[in-house]
Amino acid sequence: MISSHIQTGTFTTHLNEAGIENSEAILLLHGSGPGANAMSNWQFALPFLSDAYHCLAPDIAGFGQSQHDAPPQQTAKWIDVWVQQQIELLDAKGLDKVHLVGNSMGGGVSLHLLDRHPDRFDKALLMGPVGAPFEPTEGLTKGWEFYKAPSENALFELIQKFLHNPALLGDDIQKIASERFKNVMQDEVRVQFEAMFCEGTKAGIDAFVLSDQQLADIQHPMMITHAREDYFIPLNNAYHLAARIPNAQLHVFHHCGHWIQIEQKSAFNNLMRVFFDGALD
């Protein structure tokens, strides 16, 4: 595993890489939430895929170590930044076309990348993505509006909800919450996250939505995954997208929360592998 900082446009992107000797590449985009970053999402996926693929997992601008010097005050403007960041990252690494994996908010960014830069991507796999119209859930509202009443206990309860079975991580959840809370209460971290969703959760959801025509124009082979017990993003999102994207397949995980890649890591990793290897074509 290699970690580095790469200048992409007007900001510096923190990048985690594995399998750099492989010719085929996969770009993995993490989700949102207070304290989210690439390795919190892809700690198991990167080593699993890196024997066959060049894996790139950046901290999306405004998260982790990819801080933005001039954070815009609107979700739609952040989406523009996030799309630009990924394209400039691919350019910086000399990659003309890659596969794409997007989790939650990263799934929404992935859809916008496929819509705006279709020639830069091959296959795409989405996990519990935004990008479809829906009313704010309790979970997403607590996540995107966390700073209205921030506390370590609120963060602990939020992290628990990422799993259908919190006992899977046991005492580690409290450790994760404690470590994350110290990070998210730093002024430079807080100001960026608040700027992303300053108009509220509903406005943030709507900013990611692609029209039926935009979805129909996405021709890439796609696997959409979702968890039946997802507390944050409704399962209907997956059905909405799968019904409109021509070459989309859908896999629903049962007894699983929003963190599919953690709670069902073996099944999820194997599904990714057979999809990108072409065994499901």
Protein backbone atom coordinates (compact mmCIF):
# COMPACT_ATOMS: atom_id res chain seq x y z
CA MET A 1 0.00 0.00 0.00
CA ILE A 2 1.33 3.42 -0.96
CA SER A 3 0.01 6.75 0.36
CA SER A 4 0.89 10.01 -1.34
CA HIS A 5 -0.27 13.57 -1.91
CA ILE A 6 -0.91 14.63 -5.51
CA GLN A 7 -1.59 18.15 -6.72
CA THR A 8 -4.95 18.09 -8.55
CA GLY A 9 -6.13 21.50 -9.69
CA THR A 10 -6.29 24.00 -6.86
CA PHE A 11 -6.09 21.42 -4.05
CA THR A 12 -3.96 18.50 -2.95
CA THR A 13 -5.43 15.01 -3.07
CA HIS A 14 -4.38 12.36 -0.57
CA LEU A 15 -4.25 9.05 -2.44
CA ASN A 16 -3.99 5.44 -1.29
CA GLU A 17 -2.76 3.02 -3.95
CA ALA A 18 -2.22 -0.71 -4.19
CA GLY A 19 -1.35 -3.06 -7.05
CA ILE A 20 0.35 -0.30 -9.04
CA GLU A 21 2.10 -2.90 -11.18
CA ASN A 22 -1.22 -4.01 -12.72
CA SER A 23 -2.39 -2.57 -16.04
CA GLU A 24 -6.13 -2.41 -15.29
CA ALA A 25 -7.14 0.23 -12.75
CA ILE A 26 -10.08 0.76 -10.39
CA LEU A 27 -10.96 4.12 -8.83
CA LEU A 28 -12.75 3.71 -5.48
CA LEU A 29 -14.75 6.63 -4.07
CA HIS A 30 -15.77 6.63 -0.41
CA GLY A 31 -18.95 7.86 1.24
CA SER A 32 -19.65 10.90 3.38
CA GLY A 33 -20.35 11.31 7.08
CA PRO A 34 -18.34 12.98 9.83
CA GLY A 35 -14.77 11.69 9.72
CA ALA A 36 -15.15 9.63 6.55
CA ASN A 37 -12.11 8.96 4.39
CA ALA A 38 -10.89 6.47 1.81
CA MET A 39 -9.33 3.90 4.12
CA SER A 40 -12.29 3.83 6.50
CA ASN A 41 -14.27 2.55 3.51
CA TRP A 42 -11.74 0.48 1.56
CA GLN A 43 -9.48 -1.10 4.20
CA PHE A 44 -10.55 -4.59 3.10
CA ALA A 45 -11.28 -4.00 -0.59
CA LEU A 46 -7.89 -2.59 -1.57
CA PRO A 47 -5.75 -5.56 -0.50
CA PHE A 48 -8.33 -7.97 -1.93
CA LEU A 49 -8.38 -6.38 -5.41
CA SER A 50 -4.75 -5.33 -5.66
CA ASP A 51 -3.42 -8.69 -6.85
CA ALA A 52 -5.10 -8.10 -10.21
CA TYR A 53 -5.94 -4.38 -10.34
CA HIS A 54 -4.22 -1.05 -9.80
CA CYS A 55 -6.45 0.35 -7.03
CA LEU A 56 -6.72 4.09 -6.40
CA ALA A 57 -8.62 5.27 -3.33
CA PRO A 58 -8.43 9.05 -2.86
CA ASP A 59 -9.73 11.05 0.04
CA ILE A 60 -12.46 13.04 -1.71
CA ALA A 61 -11.95 16.81 -1.43
CA GLY A 62 -13.09 18.08 1.96
CA PHE A 63 -12.55 14.67 3.61
CA GLY A 64 -9.58 13.02 5.27
CA GLN A 65 -6.31 14.60 4.21
CA SER A 66 -7.73 16.15 1.02
CA GLN A 67 -8.72 19.49 2.48
CA HIS A 68 -10.04 22.26 0.22
CA ASP A 69 -8.60 25.75 0.65
CA ALA A 70 -11.76 27.55 -0.49
CA PRO A 71 -14.80 25.36 0.30
CA PRO A 72 -17.88 26.31 -1.74
CA GLN A 73 -21.20 26.85 0.04
CA GLN A 74 -23.50 24.46 -1.83
CA THR A 75 -23.68 20.70 -2.47
CA ALA A 76 -24.01 21.16 -6.24
CA LYS A 77 -20.78 23.18 -6.30
CA TRP A 78 -19.03 20.52 -4.28
CA ILE A 79 -20.16 17.88 -6.79
CA ASP A 80 -18.45 19.92 -9.50
CA VAL A 81 -15.28 19.96 -7.37
CA TRP A 82 -15.43 16.23 -6.69
CA VAL A 83 -15.92 15.38 -10.38
CA GLN A 84 -13.07 17.69 -11.38
CA GLN A 85 -10.83 16.23 -8.68
CA GLN A 86 -11.24 12.66 -9.98
CA ILE A 87 -10.64 13.57 -13.61
CA GLU A 88 -7.54 15.57 -12.71
CA LEU A 89 -6.35 12.66 -10.57
CA LEU A 90 -6.68 10.25 -13.50
CA ASP A 91 -4.84 12.75 -15.68
CA ALA A 92 -2.06 13.10 -13.11
CA LYS A 93 -1.66 9.32 -12.98
CA GLY A 94 -1.74 8.98 -16.78
CA LEU A 95 -4.86 6.80 -16.77
CA ASP A 96 -7.16 7.16 -19.79
CA LYS A 97 -9.88 4.73 -18.63
CA VAL A 98 -10.58 2.97 -15.33
CA HIS A 99 -13.26 0.95 -13.61
CA LEU A 100 -15.23 2.77 -10.94
CA VAL A 101 -16.54 1.89 -7.47
CA GLY A 102 -18.65 4.40 -5.53
CA ASN A 103 -20.05 4.07 -2.03
CA SER A 104 -23.06 6.17 -0.90
CA MET A 105 -22.09 9.79 -1.64
CA GLY A 106 -19.20 8.40 -3.68
CA GLY A 107 -21.83 6.49 -5.66
CA GLY A 108 -23.53 9.79 -6.44
CA VAL A 109 -20.22 11.29 -7.54
CA SER A 110 -19.67 8.19 -9.68
CA LEU A 111 -22.97 8.72 -11.48
CA HIS A 112 -22.00 12.31 -12.27
CA LEU A 113 -18.62 11.14 -13.53
CA LEU A 114 -20.30 8.61 -15.83
CA ASP A 115 -22.71 11.30 -17.03
CA ARG A 116 -20.12 13.99 -17.66
CA HIS A 117 -17.04 11.96 -18.64
CA PRO A 118 -18.31 8.65 -20.04
CA ASP A 119 -15.17 7.94 -22.06
CA ARG A 120 -12.98 7.81 -18.95
CA PHE A 121 -14.70 4.80 -17.38
CA ASP A 122 -15.39 1.16 -18.19
CA LYS A 123 -17.41 -0.84 -15.64
CA ALA A 124 -18.98 0.73 -12.56
CA LEU A 125 -20.12 -0.72 -9.24
CA LEU A 126 -22.24 1.36 -6.86
CA MET A 127 -23.01 0.69 -3.19
CA GLY A 128 -26.07 2.23 -1.56
CA PRO A 129 -25.73 5.30 -3.79
CA VAL A 130 -27.43 8.65 -3.77
CA GLY A 131 -28.46 9.98 -7.18
CA ALA A 132 -32.17 9.11 -7.07
CA PRO A 133 -34.89 11.35 -5.61
CA PHE A 134 -35.96 10.47 -2.06
CA GLU A 135 -37.08 12.10 1.15
CA PRO A 136 -34.37 12.52 3.80
CA THR A 137 -34.01 9.53 6.08
CA GLU A 138 -33.35 9.89 9.79
CA GLY A 139 -29.90 8.43 9.32
CA LEU A 140 -28.77 10.65 6.47
CA THR A 141 -30.13 13.75 8.22
CA LYS A 142 -28.20 12.90 11.39
CA GLY A 143 -25.08 12.40 9.29
CA TRP A 144 -25.21 15.43 7.00
CA GLU A 145 -26.51 17.74 9.75
CA PHE A 146 -24.27 16.33 12.47
CA TYR A 147 -22.83 19.69 13.46
CA LYS A 148 -26.18 21.07 14.59
CA ALA A 149 -25.60 19.17 17.85
CA PRO A 150 -22.20 17.47 17.69
CA SER A 151 -21.14 15.08 20.45
CA GLU A 152 -19.07 11.95 20.78
CA ASN A 153 -22.14 9.99 21.83
CA ALA A 154 -24.08 11.19 18.76
CA LEU A 155 -21.21 10.03 16.57
CA PHE A 156 -21.07 6.68 18.39
CA GLU A 157 -24.79 6.12 17.79
CA LEU A 158 -24.40 7.14 14.14
CA ILE A 159 -21.55 4.71 13.54
CA GLN A 160 -23.54 1.91 15.16
CA LYS A 161 -26.30 2.50 12.61
CA PHE A 162 -23.92 1.82 9.73
CA LEU A 163 -24.17 -1.85 10.67
CA HIS A 164 -27.20 -4.11 10.90
CA ASN A 165 -25.33 -6.02 13.61
CA PRO A 166 -23.16 -3.55 15.58
CA ALA A 167 -21.85 -6.40 17.71
CA LEU A 168 -19.71 -7.33 14.71
CA LEU A 169 -17.26 -4.58 15.68
CA GLY A 170 -17.86 -4.77 19.44
CA ASP A 171 -15.82 -2.26 21.46
CA ASP A 172 -14.12 -1.03 18.28
CA ILE A 173 -17.12 1.21 17.55
CA GLN A 174 -16.42 3.27 20.67
CA LYS A 175 -12.76 3.55 19.68
CA ILE A 176 -13.70 4.59 16.15
CA ALA A 177 -16.14 7.19 17.48
CA SER A 178 -13.57 8.62 19.93
CA GLU A 179 -10.88 8.90 17.27
CA ARG A 180 -13.23 10.35 14.69
CA PHE A 181 -14.71 12.89 17.10
CA LYS A 182 -11.30 14.41 17.81
CA ASN A 183 -10.80 14.78 14.07
CA VAL A 184 -14.23 16.13 13.13
CA MET A 185 -14.16 18.83 15.80
CA GLN A 186 -11.11 20.47 14.24
CA ASP A 187 -12.13 23.83 12.79
CA GLU A 188 -10.71 23.15 9.31
CA VAL A 189 -12.61 19.84 9.09
CA ARG A 190 -15.88 21.19 10.45
CA VAL A 191 -16.02 24.23 8.15
CA GLN A 192 -15.70 22.07 5.04
CA PHE A 193 -18.33 19.53 6.03
CA GLU A 194 -20.80 22.22 7.07
CA ALA A 195 -20.27 23.96 3.72
CA MET A 196 -21.13 20.79 1.79
CA PHE A 197 -24.62 20.48 3.26
CA CYS A 198 -25.28 24.06 4.35
CA GLU A 199 -28.67 24.07 2.57
CA GLY A 200 -29.91 21.00 4.44
CA THR A 201 -30.20 17.31 3.72
CA LYS A 202 -33.02 17.54 1.16
CA ALA A 203 -31.14 20.09 -0.94
CA GLY A 204 -28.07 17.87 -0.76
CA ILE A 205 -30.03 14.83 -1.94
CA ASP A 206 -31.60 16.77 -4.80
CA ALA A 207 -28.21 18.09 -5.97
CA PHE A 208 -27.08 14.54 -6.76
CA VAL A 209 -30.23 13.52 -8.68
CA LEU A 210 -29.81 12.74 -12.37
CA SER A 211 -32.78 12.89 -14.72
CA ASP A 212 -34.29 9.77 -16.27
CA GLN A 213 -32.71 10.75 -19.57
CA GLN A 214 -29.27 11.21 -18.02
CA LEU A 215 -29.54 7.78 -16.41
CA ALA A 216 -30.72 6.21 -19.67
CA ASP A 217 -27.67 7.66 -21.41
CA ILE A 218 -25.28 5.85 -19.06
CA GLN A 219 -24.30 2.83 -21.15
CA HIS A 220 -21.57 1.40 -18.94
CA PRO A 221 -21.88 -2.13 -17.53
CA MET A 222 -22.99 -1.55 -13.95
CA MET A 223 -23.55 -3.48 -10.75
CA ILE A 224 -25.72 -1.73 -8.17
CA THR A 225 -25.53 -3.12 -4.65
CA HIS A 226 -27.67 -2.16 -1.68
CA ALA A 227 -28.37 -3.44 1.82
CA ARG A 228 -31.91 -4.35 2.75
CA GLU A 229 -31.54 -2.89 6.25
CA ASP A 230 -29.79 0.33 5.17
CA TYR A 231 -30.61 3.07 7.71
CA PHE A 232 -29.24 5.90 5.59
CA ILE A 233 -30.15 5.38 1.92
CA PRO A 234 -33.46 3.69 1.06
CA LEU A 235 -33.42 0.46 -0.94
CA ASN A 236 -35.85 2.05 -3.41
CA ASN A 237 -32.92 4.14 -4.66
CA ALA A 238 -31.33 1.00 -6.06
CA TYR A 239 -34.54 -0.04 -7.81
CA HIS A 240 -34.95 3.49 -9.24
CA LEU A 241 -31.46 3.46 -10.73
CA ALA A 242 -31.54 -0.16 -11.93
CA ALA A 243 -34.81 0.46 -13.76
CA ARG A 244 -33.35 3.40 -15.70
CA ILE A 245 -29.71 2.54 -16.39
CA PRO A 246 -29.76 0.19 -19.40
CA ASN A 247 -26.90 -2.15 -18.47
CA ALA A 248 -27.36 -2.23 -14.71
CA GLN A 249 -27.63 -5.35 -12.57
CA LEU A 250 -28.80 -5.27 -8.94
CA HIS A 251 -27.68 -7.27 -5.92
CA VAL A 252 -29.40 -6.80 -2.54
CA PHE A 253 -27.58 -7.91 0.61
CA HIS A 254 -29.79 -9.13 3.46
CA HIS A 255 -29.08 -8.75 7.20
CA CYS A 256 -26.76 -5.90 6.33
CA GLY A 257 -26.51 -2.17 6.99
CA HIS A 258 -25.00 0.68 4.99
CA TRP A 259 -21.42 -0.54 5.45
CA ILE A 260 -21.72 -3.49 3.05
CA GLN A 261 -17.96 -3.50 2.50
CA ILE A 262 -17.43 -4.02 6.25
CA GLU A 263 -20.40 -6.13 7.36
CA GLN A 264 -20.45 -8.41 4.29
CA LYS A 265 -16.84 -7.90 3.27
CA SER A 266 -16.19 -11.39 1.87
CA ALA A 267 -19.39 -11.53 -0.18
CA PHE A 268 -18.95 -7.95 -1.37
CA ASN A 269 -15.30 -8.38 -2.32
CA ASN A 270 -16.05 -11.57 -4.23
CA LEU A 271 -18.95 -9.89 -6.05
CA MET A 272 -16.69 -7.01 -7.06
CA ARG A 273 -14.06 -9.40 -8.30
CA VAL A 274 -16.32 -11.55 -10.48
CA PHE A 275 -17.99 -8.41 -11.87
CA PHE A 276 -14.76 -6.67 -12.86
CA ASP A 277 -13.19 -9.94 -14.05
CA GLY A 278 -16.10 -10.35 -16.48
CA ALA A 279 -17.61 -13.50 -14.97
CA LEU A 280 -21.05 -11.87 -14.81
CA ASP A 281 -21.07 -10.59 -18.41
